[in-house]
Amino acid sequence: MPMEYLRQLERDELPLVEWDVVNIDKLRVLHAAGMVEVQLPPVDSPCQKAQVLYVTGLGCATLRAHGARMRMSRRNPAQRDLEASFD
């Protein structure tokens, strides 16, 4: 999942037009997962241009969960084990 690109989109002013083919492929994945609303060009279109409308609620929630998971993985193992014992 292209999480860094999703995080960038959340910070950008939307709607925006994306011309980069690599990023358009990431948008296809994010759209299929329900994380962004986007107008995508046909795959075989000679003009590859997408318009990103917004990051969905699911996309925002996924970013929050991913951020919490990243913070948790940076803690030392003993602290994680201690916190897990309280869950």
Protein backbone atom coordinates (compact mmCIF):
# COMPACT_ATOMS: atom_id res chain seq x y z
CA MET A 1 0.00 0.00 0.00
CA PRO A 2 1.49 3.39 -0.94
CA MET A 3 1.10 4.88 2.55
CA GLU A 4 3.63 7.70 2.17
CA TYR A 5 1.85 8.94 -0.94
CA LEU A 6 -1.49 8.77 0.90
CA ARG A 7 0.03 10.77 3.77
CA GLN A 8 1.27 13.36 1.27
CA LEU A 9 -2.20 13.61 -0.27
CA GLU A 10 -3.75 14.14 3.15
CA ARG A 11 -1.45 17.15 3.63
CA ASP A 12 -1.91 18.59 0.12
CA GLU A 13 -4.60 21.03 -0.87
CA LEU A 14 -7.21 19.00 -2.73
CA PRO A 15 -8.50 18.64 -5.35
CA LEU A 16 -5.28 18.33 -7.31
CA VAL A 17 -4.26 17.04 -10.72
CA GLU A 18 -1.66 14.28 -10.88
CA TRP A 19 0.35 13.77 -14.06
CA ASP A 20 3.04 11.38 -12.81
CA VAL A 21 2.28 7.87 -14.11
CA VAL A 22 3.88 6.19 -11.07
CA ASN A 23 1.67 8.21 -8.74
CA ILE A 24 -1.39 7.51 -10.88
CA ASP A 25 -0.70 3.79 -10.40
CA LYS A 26 -0.55 4.41 -6.63
CA LEU A 27 -3.87 6.23 -6.90
CA ARG A 28 -5.38 3.20 -8.62
CA VAL A 29 -4.37 1.04 -5.64
CA LEU A 30 -5.58 3.58 -3.09
CA HIS A 31 -8.87 4.01 -4.95
CA ALA A 32 -9.42 0.24 -5.16
CA ALA A 33 -8.85 0.07 -1.39
CA GLY A 34 -11.42 2.83 -0.83
CA MET A 35 -8.90 5.31 0.59
CA VAL A 36 -9.21 8.10 -1.97
CA GLU A 37 -11.85 9.45 -4.31
CA VAL A 38 -10.23 10.13 -7.65
CA GLN A 39 -11.11 10.52 -11.31
CA LEU A 40 -8.77 8.13 -13.10
CA PRO A 41 -7.93 7.97 -16.79
CA PRO A 42 -8.37 4.70 -18.68
CA VAL A 43 -5.22 2.57 -18.40
CA ASP A 44 -4.60 2.71 -22.15
CA SER A 45 -5.26 6.45 -22.49
CA PRO A 46 -2.43 8.39 -24.15
CA CYS A 47 -3.03 11.26 -21.70
CA GLN A 48 -2.44 9.98 -18.19
CA LYS A 49 -3.95 12.58 -15.87
CA ALA A 50 -5.88 11.95 -12.66
CA GLN A 51 -7.79 14.33 -10.44
CA VAL A 52 -7.61 13.54 -6.74
CA LEU A 53 -10.80 14.78 -5.09
CA TYR A 54 -10.33 13.79 -1.45
CA VAL A 55 -8.93 11.28 1.02
CA THR A 56 -11.83 9.21 2.37
CA GLY A 57 -12.63 8.56 6.00
CA LEU A 58 -11.16 5.08 5.59
CA GLY A 59 -7.97 6.62 4.21
CA CYS A 60 -7.69 9.00 7.16
CA ALA A 61 -8.38 6.22 9.66
CA THR A 62 -5.77 4.01 7.99
CA LEU A 63 -3.19 6.78 8.25
CA ARG A 64 -3.96 7.23 11.96
CA ALA A 65 -3.65 3.48 12.57
CA HIS A 66 -0.45 3.30 10.51
CA GLY A 67 1.02 6.22 12.48
CA ALA A 68 0.19 4.56 15.81
CA ARG A 69 1.72 1.30 14.61
CA MET A 70 4.89 3.13 13.51
CA ARG A 71 5.21 4.85 16.91
CA MET A 72 4.70 1.52 18.66
CA SER A 73 7.39 -0.21 16.59
CA ARG A 74 9.95 2.49 17.54
CA ARG A 75 9.57 1.78 21.26
CA ASN A 76 11.88 -0.71 22.89
CA PRO A 77 10.62 -4.33 23.13
CA ALA A 78 10.35 -4.32 26.94
CA GLN A 79 8.09 -1.24 26.88
CA ARG A 80 5.88 -2.80 24.17
CA ASP A 81 5.55 -6.01 26.20
CA LEU A 82 4.63 -4.06 29.32
CA GLU A 83 1.99 -2.01 27.45
CA ALA A 84 0.61 -5.16 25.81
CA SER A 85 0.10 -6.78 29.21
CA PHE A 86 -2.38 -4.00 30.10
CA ASP A 87 -4.52 -4.57 26.96
